[in-house]
Amino acid sequence: MRKLMILAMALIIAPLMAQESAGNIVHHYAARNFIAGNINKSRLDTVLMAGVNAPSAMNRQPWRFTVMQDIKLVKQIISDAKDGNILIVVSTDSKASNEARAVLDCGLAVQSMYLAAQALGLGSRIYTGPIAAINGRFKNELPAGYTAVALVRIGLVEKTDAVTAASSRKSINEIVTYK
């Protein structure tokens, strides 16, 4: 009888856990409400591991991650950065930086880290605007021979509801075609 009750509870709880997990993926938002505060190394490492384990074409893993924690440097790139915010710059070999495959692979790593940060209760935001400055003025911060593709900002955020904080989206009927 006890085994039957445990099985019944597992059948009830498992779908609820799956819904919660899916909720983290479906109801994310690009944080704007960053606050000052440090991120512990364990959380940072988890975010980075999500990038390391991202899928890539033919398992090439063309990315390199540069973790910028020096707030003076961070604020030169993102002017409204708060103390403790971290920038993870994702770059690829300069020779491959014009290859769609390498850029897409880097984008998958960026998205993986963005979602991992939010799953850990951190704020995250993806930027491509500062990439020209990083590849220009801040090129010496990147691994030799690499070109920045995108960056992820992570940090502490004010508690907020991801559903109401997110920008409005088009309906699924506007953008999905079934054949």
N, C-alpha and C. Protein backbone atom coordinates (compact mmCIF):
# COMPACT_ATOMS: atom_id res chain seq x y z
N MET A 1 0.81 -1.19 0.00
CA MET A 1 0.00 0.00 0.00
C MET A 1 0.87 1.28 0.00
N ARG A 2 1.92 1.23 0.83
CA ARG A 2 2.82 2.38 0.91
C ARG A 2 3.49 2.64 -0.44
N LYS A 3 3.92 1.59 -1.12
CA LYS A 3 4.55 1.74 -2.44
C LYS A 3 3.57 2.33 -3.43
N LEU A 4 2.33 1.93 -3.35
CA LEU A 4 1.29 2.46 -4.24
C LEU A 4 1.08 3.95 -4.00
N MET A 5 1.09 4.37 -2.74
CA MET A 5 0.92 5.78 -2.42
C MET A 5 2.11 6.60 -2.93
N ILE A 6 3.32 6.06 -2.77
CA ILE A 6 4.51 6.76 -3.26
C ILE A 6 4.46 6.90 -4.78
N LEU A 7 4.05 5.84 -5.46
CA LEU A 7 3.92 5.89 -6.91
C LEU A 7 2.87 6.92 -7.33
N ALA A 8 1.74 6.92 -6.65
CA ALA A 8 0.68 7.88 -6.98
C ALA A 8 1.16 9.31 -6.77
N MET A 9 1.89 9.55 -5.68
CA MET A 9 2.40 10.90 -5.43
C MET A 9 3.42 11.30 -6.49
N ALA A 10 4.26 10.36 -6.90
CA ALA A 10 5.24 10.65 -7.95
C ALA A 10 4.55 11.01 -9.25
N LEU A 11 3.47 10.32 -9.56
CA LEU A 11 2.74 10.62 -10.79
C LEU A 11 2.07 11.98 -10.74
N ILE A 12 1.76 12.45 -9.56
CA ILE A 12 1.16 13.77 -9.41
C ILE A 12 2.23 14.85 -9.40
N ILE A 13 3.32 14.62 -8.68
CA ILE A 13 4.35 15.63 -8.50
C ILE A 13 5.20 15.84 -9.75
N ALA A 14 5.54 14.77 -10.46
CA ALA A 14 6.42 14.88 -11.64
C ALA A 14 5.88 15.87 -12.67
N PRO A 15 4.60 15.79 -13.06
CA PRO A 15 4.12 16.78 -14.03
C PRO A 15 4.16 18.21 -13.50
N LEU A 16 3.91 18.38 -12.20
CA LEU A 16 3.97 19.72 -11.63
C LEU A 16 5.39 20.27 -11.67
N MET A 17 6.37 19.40 -11.40
CA MET A 17 7.77 19.83 -11.47
C MET A 17 8.14 20.17 -12.91
N ALA A 18 7.65 19.41 -13.86
CA ALA A 18 7.93 19.69 -15.27
C ALA A 18 7.33 21.04 -15.67
N GLN A 19 6.12 21.34 -15.18
CA GLN A 19 5.50 22.62 -15.48
C GLN A 19 6.31 23.76 -14.90
N GLU A 20 6.80 23.60 -13.66
CA GLU A 20 7.61 24.63 -13.03
C GLU A 20 8.88 24.86 -13.84
N SER A 21 9.53 23.80 -14.27
CA SER A 21 10.74 23.90 -15.06
C SER A 21 10.45 24.61 -16.39
N ALA A 22 9.37 24.25 -17.04
CA ALA A 22 9.00 24.90 -18.30
C ALA A 22 8.67 26.36 -18.07
N GLY A 23 8.08 26.67 -16.93
CA GLY A 23 7.77 28.06 -16.60
C GLY A 23 9.01 28.92 -16.57
N ASN A 24 10.12 28.39 -16.08
CA ASN A 24 11.38 29.15 -16.07
C ASN A 24 11.85 29.46 -17.47
N ILE A 25 11.55 28.59 -18.41
CA ILE A 25 11.99 28.81 -19.79
C ILE A 25 11.02 29.74 -20.52
N VAL A 26 9.74 29.55 -20.32
CA VAL A 26 8.73 30.32 -21.04
C VAL A 26 8.59 31.73 -20.48
N HIS A 27 8.70 31.89 -19.17
CA HIS A 27 8.45 33.18 -18.54
C HIS A 27 9.73 33.86 -18.07
N HIS A 28 10.66 34.06 -18.99
CA HIS A 28 11.88 34.80 -18.67
C HIS A 28 11.74 36.22 -19.22
N TYR A 29 12.64 37.08 -18.81
CA TYR A 29 12.61 38.45 -19.31
C TYR A 29 14.02 39.03 -19.24
N ALA A 30 14.29 40.00 -20.09
CA ALA A 30 15.58 40.68 -20.09
C ALA A 30 15.56 41.70 -18.96
N ALA A 31 16.32 41.42 -17.90
CA ALA A 31 16.29 42.26 -16.70
C ALA A 31 16.74 43.68 -16.98
N ARG A 32 16.06 44.60 -16.35
CA ARG A 32 16.45 46.01 -16.37
C ARG A 32 16.61 46.53 -14.95
N ASN A 33 16.14 45.76 -13.99
CA ASN A 33 16.08 46.21 -12.60
C ASN A 33 17.24 45.65 -11.76
N PHE A 34 18.46 45.74 -12.30
CA PHE A 34 19.63 45.25 -11.58
C PHE A 34 19.88 46.10 -10.34
N ILE A 35 20.40 45.46 -9.30
CA ILE A 35 20.78 46.15 -8.07
C ILE A 35 22.21 45.75 -7.72
N ALA A 36 22.83 46.50 -6.84
CA ALA A 36 24.19 46.19 -6.41
C ALA A 36 24.19 44.92 -5.56
N GLY A 37 25.24 44.19 -5.65
CA GLY A 37 25.41 42.98 -4.84
C GLY A 37 26.22 41.96 -5.60
N ASN A 38 27.00 41.19 -4.85
CA ASN A 38 27.90 40.22 -5.47
C ASN A 38 27.22 38.89 -5.73
N ILE A 39 27.68 38.23 -6.77
CA ILE A 39 27.22 36.89 -7.13
C ILE A 39 28.28 35.92 -6.64
N ASN A 40 27.86 34.89 -5.92
CA ASN A 40 28.88 33.96 -5.41
C ASN A 40 29.43 33.11 -6.56
N LYS A 41 30.64 32.60 -6.34
CA LYS A 41 31.36 31.85 -7.38
C LYS A 41 30.60 30.62 -7.83
N SER A 42 29.90 29.97 -6.92
CA SER A 42 29.15 28.77 -7.28
C SER A 42 28.07 29.07 -8.31
N ARG A 43 27.34 30.16 -8.13
CA ARG A 43 26.30 30.54 -9.09
C ARG A 43 26.93 30.94 -10.42
N LEU A 44 28.02 31.71 -10.37
CA LEU A 44 28.71 32.11 -11.59
C LEU A 44 29.19 30.88 -12.35
N ASP A 45 29.79 29.94 -11.64
CA ASP A 45 30.27 28.72 -12.29
C ASP A 45 29.13 27.93 -12.93
N THR A 46 27.97 27.91 -12.28
CA THR A 46 26.82 27.21 -12.85
C THR A 46 26.38 27.86 -14.15
N VAL A 47 26.34 29.19 -14.17
CA VAL A 47 25.98 29.92 -15.39
C VAL A 47 26.99 29.61 -16.49
N LEU A 48 28.27 29.64 -16.16
CA LEU A 48 29.31 29.36 -17.16
C LEU A 48 29.22 27.92 -17.67
N MET A 49 28.91 26.97 -16.79
CA MET A 49 28.77 25.58 -17.22
C MET A 49 27.61 25.42 -18.19
N ALA A 50 26.56 26.22 -18.02
CA ALA A 50 25.46 26.17 -18.98
C ALA A 50 25.95 26.58 -20.37
N GLY A 51 26.84 27.56 -20.43
CA GLY A 51 27.42 27.96 -21.72
C GLY A 51 28.35 26.91 -22.27
N VAL A 52 29.19 26.36 -21.41
CA VAL A 52 30.13 25.32 -21.83
C VAL A 52 29.39 24.12 -22.41
N ASN A 53 28.24 23.79 -21.83
CA ASN A 53 27.48 22.61 -22.25
C ASN A 53 26.43 22.90 -23.33
N ALA A 54 26.43 24.11 -23.87
CA ALA A 54 25.47 24.45 -24.93
C ALA A 54 25.75 23.60 -26.17
N PRO A 55 24.72 23.35 -26.97
CA PRO A 55 24.95 22.59 -28.20
C PRO A 55 25.70 23.43 -29.23
N SER A 56 26.41 22.76 -30.11
CA SER A 56 27.09 23.46 -31.20
C SER A 56 27.16 22.52 -32.41
N ALA A 57 27.20 23.11 -33.59
CA ALA A 57 27.27 22.32 -34.82
C ALA A 57 28.53 21.47 -34.81
N MET A 58 28.34 20.19 -35.07
CA MET A 58 29.45 19.24 -35.12
C MET A 58 30.30 19.26 -33.85
N ASN A 59 29.70 19.71 -32.74
CA ASN A 59 30.37 19.78 -31.44
C ASN A 59 31.68 20.57 -31.51
N ARG A 60 31.70 21.60 -32.33
CA ARG A 60 32.92 22.41 -32.50
C ARG A 60 33.21 23.30 -31.28
N GLN A 61 32.16 23.70 -30.56
CA GLN A 61 32.32 24.55 -29.38
C GLN A 61 33.27 25.72 -29.69
N PRO A 62 32.88 26.60 -30.63
CA PRO A 62 33.80 27.63 -31.12
C PRO A 62 33.95 28.83 -30.19
N TRP A 63 33.37 28.79 -29.03
CA TRP A 63 33.31 29.95 -28.16
C TRP A 63 34.44 30.00 -27.13
N ARG A 64 34.67 31.21 -26.67
CA ARG A 64 35.50 31.47 -25.51
C ARG A 64 34.72 32.48 -24.67
N PHE A 65 34.79 32.34 -23.37
CA PHE A 65 34.06 33.22 -22.46
C PHE A 65 35.05 34.08 -21.69
N THR A 66 34.84 35.38 -21.74
CA THR A 66 35.65 36.32 -20.96
C THR A 66 34.74 36.88 -19.87
N VAL A 67 35.09 36.62 -18.62
CA VAL A 67 34.27 37.06 -17.49
C VAL A 67 34.83 38.38 -16.97
N MET A 68 34.05 39.43 -17.14
CA MET A 68 34.46 40.77 -16.72
C MET A 68 33.78 41.09 -15.40
N GLN A 69 34.59 41.15 -14.32
CA GLN A 69 34.07 41.43 -12.99
C GLN A 69 34.53 42.79 -12.45
N ASP A 70 35.56 43.37 -13.06
CA ASP A 70 36.06 44.67 -12.63
C ASP A 70 34.99 45.72 -12.97
N ILE A 71 34.37 46.30 -11.94
CA ILE A 71 33.22 47.18 -12.16
C ILE A 71 33.60 48.41 -12.98
N LYS A 72 34.83 48.88 -12.88
CA LYS A 72 35.25 50.04 -13.70
C LYS A 72 35.21 49.68 -15.18
N LEU A 73 35.71 48.49 -15.51
CA LEU A 73 35.67 48.02 -16.89
C LEU A 73 34.23 47.76 -17.33
N VAL A 74 33.46 47.10 -16.48
CA VAL A 74 32.06 46.78 -16.79
C VAL A 74 31.28 48.05 -17.10
N LYS A 75 31.48 49.10 -16.30
CA LYS A 75 30.73 50.36 -16.49
C LYS A 75 31.17 51.10 -17.76
N GLN A 76 32.37 50.84 -18.24
CA GLN A 76 32.78 51.44 -19.51
C GLN A 76 32.03 50.80 -20.68
N ILE A 77 31.58 49.58 -20.49
CA ILE A 77 30.87 48.86 -21.55
C ILE A 77 29.36 49.02 -21.40
N ILE A 78 28.85 48.88 -20.18
CA ILE A 78 27.42 49.04 -19.86
C ILE A 78 27.33 50.14 -18.81
N SER A 79 26.97 51.34 -19.22
CA SER A 79 27.06 52.51 -18.34
C SER A 79 26.18 52.42 -17.09
N ASP A 80 25.06 51.72 -17.15
CA ASP A 80 24.19 51.65 -15.98
C ASP A 80 24.44 50.41 -15.11
N ALA A 81 25.59 49.76 -15.31
CA ALA A 81 25.92 48.58 -14.51
C ALA A 81 26.00 48.95 -13.03
N LYS A 82 25.61 48.02 -12.19
CA LYS A 82 25.66 48.19 -10.74
C LYS A 82 26.82 47.39 -10.18
N ASP A 83 27.31 47.81 -9.02
CA ASP A 83 28.38 47.07 -8.37
C ASP A 83 27.99 45.61 -8.24
N GLY A 84 28.90 44.72 -8.64
CA GLY A 84 28.64 43.28 -8.56
C GLY A 84 28.13 42.68 -9.86
N ASN A 85 27.66 43.53 -10.81
CA ASN A 85 27.24 42.99 -12.11
C ASN A 85 28.44 42.38 -12.82
N ILE A 86 28.21 41.33 -13.55
CA ILE A 86 29.25 40.63 -14.28
C ILE A 86 28.86 40.58 -15.75
N LEU A 87 29.84 40.81 -16.62
CA LEU A 87 29.63 40.65 -18.06
C LEU A 87 30.37 39.41 -18.51
N ILE A 88 29.68 38.56 -19.24
CA ILE A 88 30.32 37.39 -19.85
C ILE A 88 30.31 37.65 -21.35
N VAL A 89 31.49 37.91 -21.88
CA VAL A 89 31.62 38.18 -23.31
C VAL A 89 31.88 36.85 -24.01
N VAL A 90 31.06 36.56 -25.01
CA VAL A 90 31.21 35.33 -25.78
C VAL A 90 31.86 35.69 -27.11
N SER A 91 32.99 35.06 -27.37
CA SER A 91 33.72 35.36 -28.61
C SER A 91 34.04 34.08 -29.34
N THR A 92 34.38 34.24 -30.61
CA THR A 92 34.77 33.11 -31.44
C THR A 92 36.04 33.49 -32.19
N ASP A 93 36.71 32.50 -32.71
CA ASP A 93 37.93 32.71 -33.48
C ASP A 93 37.66 33.77 -34.55
N SER A 94 38.54 34.75 -34.64
CA SER A 94 38.32 35.85 -35.59
C SER A 94 38.12 35.36 -37.01
N LYS A 95 38.78 34.27 -37.39
CA LYS A 95 38.60 33.72 -38.74
C LYS A 95 37.20 33.17 -38.94
N ALA A 96 36.57 32.71 -37.86
CA ALA A 96 35.24 32.11 -37.95
C ALA A 96 34.13 33.11 -37.65
N SER A 97 34.49 34.34 -37.28
CA SER A 97 33.47 35.29 -36.81
C SER A 97 32.47 35.69 -37.89
N ASN A 98 32.77 35.44 -39.15
CA ASN A 98 31.82 35.72 -40.23
C ASN A 98 31.07 34.47 -40.67
N GLU A 99 31.36 33.35 -40.05
CA GLU A 99 30.65 32.11 -40.37
C GLU A 99 29.35 32.07 -39.58
N ALA A 100 28.24 31.91 -40.27
CA ALA A 100 26.95 31.86 -39.59
C ALA A 100 26.91 30.75 -38.55
N ARG A 101 27.52 29.63 -38.84
CA ARG A 101 27.50 28.49 -37.93
C ARG A 101 28.17 28.84 -36.60
N ALA A 102 29.33 29.48 -36.64
CA ALA A 102 30.05 29.85 -35.42
C ALA A 102 29.28 30.89 -34.62
N VAL A 103 28.70 31.86 -35.31
CA VAL A 103 27.94 32.90 -34.62
C VAL A 103 26.68 32.30 -33.98
N LEU A 104 26.00 31.41 -34.70
CA LEU A 104 24.82 30.75 -34.13
C LEU A 104 25.21 29.91 -32.92
N ASP A 105 26.30 29.18 -33.01
CA ASP A 105 26.76 28.38 -31.87
C ASP A 105 27.01 29.27 -30.66
N CYS A 106 27.65 30.41 -30.87
CA CYS A 106 27.89 31.34 -29.76
C CYS A 106 26.57 31.86 -29.20
N GLY A 107 25.60 32.09 -30.09
CA GLY A 107 24.28 32.52 -29.64
C GLY A 107 23.61 31.48 -28.76
N LEU A 108 23.82 30.20 -29.07
CA LEU A 108 23.26 29.14 -28.23
C LEU A 108 23.90 29.15 -26.85
N ALA A 109 25.20 29.40 -26.79
CA ALA A 109 25.88 29.49 -25.50
C ALA A 109 25.37 30.69 -24.70
N VAL A 110 25.18 31.82 -25.38
CA VAL A 110 24.65 33.03 -24.74
C VAL A 110 23.27 32.74 -24.15
N GLN A 111 22.39 32.16 -24.94
CA GLN A 111 21.03 31.87 -24.48
C GLN A 111 21.05 30.90 -23.30
N SER A 112 21.91 29.90 -23.36
CA SER A 112 21.99 28.94 -22.26
C SER A 112 22.40 29.62 -20.96
N MET A 113 23.37 30.53 -21.02
CA MET A 113 23.80 31.23 -19.82
C MET A 113 22.73 32.20 -19.32
N TYR A 114 22.07 32.87 -20.25
CA TYR A 114 20.97 33.80 -19.92
C TYR A 114 19.88 33.07 -19.14
N LEU A 115 19.46 31.92 -19.64
CA LEU A 115 18.40 31.15 -18.97
C LEU A 115 18.89 30.55 -17.66
N ALA A 116 20.13 30.09 -17.61
CA ALA A 116 20.67 29.51 -16.37
C ALA A 116 20.69 30.56 -15.26
N ALA A 117 21.11 31.77 -15.59
CA ALA A 117 21.15 32.84 -14.59
C ALA A 117 19.76 33.09 -14.01
N GLN A 118 18.75 33.13 -14.88
CA GLN A 118 17.40 33.37 -14.39
C GLN A 118 16.87 32.20 -13.58
N ALA A 119 17.23 30.99 -13.97
CA ALA A 119 16.81 29.82 -13.20
C ALA A 119 17.42 29.85 -11.79
N LEU A 120 18.57 30.50 -11.64
CA LEU A 120 19.22 30.63 -10.33
C LEU A 120 18.72 31.84 -9.54
N GLY A 121 17.74 32.55 -10.11
CA GLY A 121 17.20 33.71 -9.42
C GLY A 121 17.97 35.00 -9.67
N LEU A 122 18.88 34.97 -10.62
CA LEU A 122 19.65 36.17 -10.98
C LEU A 122 18.97 36.88 -12.14
N GLY A 123 19.32 38.13 -12.32
CA GLY A 123 18.88 38.85 -13.50
C GLY A 123 19.87 38.59 -14.62
N SER A 124 19.38 38.58 -15.84
CA SER A 124 20.28 38.42 -16.98
C SER A 124 19.72 39.20 -18.17
N ARG A 125 20.63 39.64 -19.00
CA ARG A 125 20.25 40.41 -20.18
C ARG A 125 21.31 40.16 -21.25
N ILE A 126 20.87 39.98 -22.48
CA ILE A 126 21.77 39.76 -23.61
C ILE A 126 21.98 41.09 -24.33
N TYR A 127 23.22 41.38 -24.66
CA TYR A 127 23.57 42.60 -25.39
C TYR A 127 24.38 42.26 -26.64
N THR A 128 24.11 42.99 -27.71
CA THR A 128 24.97 42.96 -28.89
C THR A 128 25.45 44.36 -29.25
N GLY A 129 24.77 45.38 -28.75
CA GLY A 129 25.13 46.77 -29.05
C GLY A 129 26.58 47.12 -28.72
N PRO A 130 27.10 46.72 -27.56
CA PRO A 130 28.47 47.09 -27.20
C PRO A 130 29.57 46.29 -27.91
N ILE A 131 29.19 45.37 -28.77
CA ILE A 131 30.18 44.47 -29.38
C ILE A 131 31.22 45.23 -30.19
N ALA A 132 30.82 46.26 -30.92
CA ALA A 132 31.80 47.04 -31.71
C ALA A 132 32.84 47.67 -30.79
N ALA A 133 32.42 48.19 -29.65
CA ALA A 133 33.36 48.79 -28.69
C ALA A 133 34.28 47.73 -28.10
N ILE A 134 33.72 46.56 -27.80
CA ILE A 134 34.55 45.49 -27.24
C ILE A 134 35.59 45.05 -28.26
N ASN A 135 35.18 44.90 -29.51
CA ASN A 135 36.13 44.49 -30.56
C ASN A 135 37.08 45.60 -30.96
N GLY A 136 36.81 46.82 -30.52
CA GLY A 136 37.69 47.95 -30.79
C GLY A 136 38.50 48.31 -29.56
N ARG A 137 37.94 49.17 -28.72
CA ARG A 137 38.65 49.69 -27.54
C ARG A 137 39.06 48.62 -26.53
N PHE A 138 38.30 47.54 -26.44
CA PHE A 138 38.54 46.53 -25.41
C PHE A 138 39.04 45.21 -25.97
N LYS A 139 39.54 45.23 -27.20
CA LYS A 139 40.01 44.01 -27.87
C LYS A 139 41.05 43.27 -27.04
N ASN A 140 41.88 44.01 -26.32
CA ASN A 140 42.94 43.38 -25.52
C ASN A 140 42.39 42.60 -24.32
N GLU A 141 41.11 42.74 -24.03
CA GLU A 141 40.48 41.98 -22.93
C GLU A 141 40.06 40.58 -23.40
N LEU A 142 40.02 40.36 -24.70
CA LEU A 142 39.60 39.08 -25.27
C LEU A 142 40.80 38.17 -25.47
N PRO A 143 40.54 36.86 -25.58
CA PRO A 143 41.64 35.96 -25.94
C PRO A 143 42.22 36.38 -27.30
N ALA A 144 43.52 36.25 -27.45
CA ALA A 144 44.19 36.63 -28.70
C ALA A 144 43.57 35.86 -29.87
N GLY A 145 43.26 36.59 -30.93
CA GLY A 145 42.71 35.97 -32.13
C GLY A 145 41.21 35.74 -32.09
N TYR A 146 40.52 36.29 -31.09
CA TYR A 146 39.08 36.09 -30.97
C TYR A 146 38.33 37.40 -31.14
N THR A 147 37.09 37.29 -31.62
CA THR A 147 36.21 38.42 -31.86
C THR A 147 34.92 38.21 -31.07
N ALA A 148 34.51 39.25 -30.35
CA ALA A 148 33.28 39.18 -29.55
C ALA A 148 32.05 39.08 -30.46
N VAL A 149 31.09 38.27 -30.02
CA VAL A 149 29.85 38.08 -30.76
C VAL A 149 28.67 38.67 -29.99
N ALA A 150 28.62 38.42 -28.69
CA ALA A 150 27.53 38.90 -27.83
C ALA A 150 28.00 38.82 -26.39
N LEU A 151 27.21 39.43 -25.50
CA LEU A 151 27.54 39.32 -24.09
C LEU A 151 26.28 39.13 -23.27
N VAL A 152 26.49 38.54 -22.11
CA VAL A 152 25.41 38.34 -21.14
C VAL A 152 25.79 39.10 -19.89
N ARG A 153 24.89 39.94 -19.44
CA ARG A 153 25.06 40.64 -18.16
C ARG A 153 24.28 39.86 -17.12
N ILE A 154 24.92 39.56 -16.01
CA ILE A 154 24.21 38.90 -14.92
C ILE A 154 24.42 39.69 -13.64
N GLY A 155 23.45 39.62 -12.77
CA GLY A 155 23.55 40.33 -11.50
C GLY A 155 22.32 40.10 -10.66
N LEU A 156 22.36 40.67 -9.49
CA LEU A 156 21.20 40.61 -8.61
C LEU A 156 20.14 41.57 -9.15
N VAL A 157 18.88 41.23 -8.91
CA VAL A 157 17.78 42.07 -9.36
C VAL A 157 16.76 42.23 -8.24
N GLU A 158 16.00 43.30 -8.33
CA GLU A 158 14.87 43.46 -7.42
C GLU A 158 13.90 42.34 -7.71
N LYS A 159 13.25 41.85 -6.70
CA LYS A 159 12.25 40.79 -6.91
C LYS A 159 11.15 41.35 -7.80
N THR A 160 10.79 40.57 -8.81
CA THR A 160 9.77 41.01 -9.75
C THR A 160 9.07 39.80 -10.33
N ASP A 161 7.95 40.02 -10.92
CA ASP A 161 7.19 38.98 -11.59
C ASP A 161 7.60 38.97 -13.06
N ALA A 162 8.19 37.88 -13.50
CA ALA A 162 8.71 37.81 -14.86
C ALA A 162 7.62 37.99 -15.91
N VAL A 163 6.41 37.60 -15.62
CA VAL A 163 5.32 37.72 -16.60
C VAL A 163 4.99 39.18 -16.85
N THR A 164 4.85 39.97 -15.78
CA THR A 164 4.50 41.37 -15.96
C THR A 164 5.70 42.24 -16.31
N ALA A 165 6.92 41.79 -15.98
CA ALA A 165 8.12 42.57 -16.27
C ALA A 165 8.55 42.44 -17.74
N ALA A 166 8.14 41.38 -18.39
CA ALA A 166 8.56 41.14 -19.77
C ALA A 166 7.86 42.09 -20.73
N SER A 167 8.55 42.43 -21.81
CA SER A 167 7.94 43.22 -22.87
C SER A 167 6.84 42.40 -23.52
N SER A 168 5.88 43.09 -24.10
CA SER A 168 4.79 42.35 -24.75
C SER A 168 5.34 41.55 -25.93
N ARG A 169 4.69 40.48 -26.22
CA ARG A 169 5.10 39.59 -27.31
C ARG A 169 3.95 39.40 -28.28
N LYS A 170 4.29 39.08 -29.51
CA LYS A 170 3.28 38.73 -30.49
C LYS A 170 2.65 37.42 -30.07
N SER A 171 1.43 37.19 -30.48
CA SER A 171 0.77 35.93 -30.13
C SER A 171 1.37 34.80 -30.96
N ILE A 172 1.24 33.61 -30.46
CA ILE A 172 1.76 32.44 -31.16
C ILE A 172 1.12 32.30 -32.54
N ASN A 173 -0.14 32.72 -32.67
CA ASN A 173 -0.82 32.64 -33.96
C ASN A 173 -0.26 33.58 -35.00
N GLU A 174 0.40 34.66 -34.55
CA GLU A 174 0.99 35.63 -35.48
C GLU A 174 2.32 35.16 -36.06
N ILE A 175 3.01 34.26 -35.37
CA ILE A 175 4.36 33.93 -35.80
C ILE A 175 4.62 32.46 -36.09
N VAL A 176 3.65 31.61 -35.84
CA VAL A 176 3.84 30.17 -36.08
C VAL A 176 2.94 29.73 -37.21
N THR A 177 3.51 29.02 -38.17
CA THR A 177 2.74 28.44 -39.27
C THR A 177 2.89 26.93 -39.20
N TYR A 178 1.78 26.23 -39.19
CA TYR A 178 1.80 24.76 -39.19
C TYR A 178 1.53 24.27 -40.60
N LYS A 179 2.27 23.32 -41.04
CA LYS A 179 2.08 22.73 -42.38
C LYS A 179 1.81 21.27 -42.25
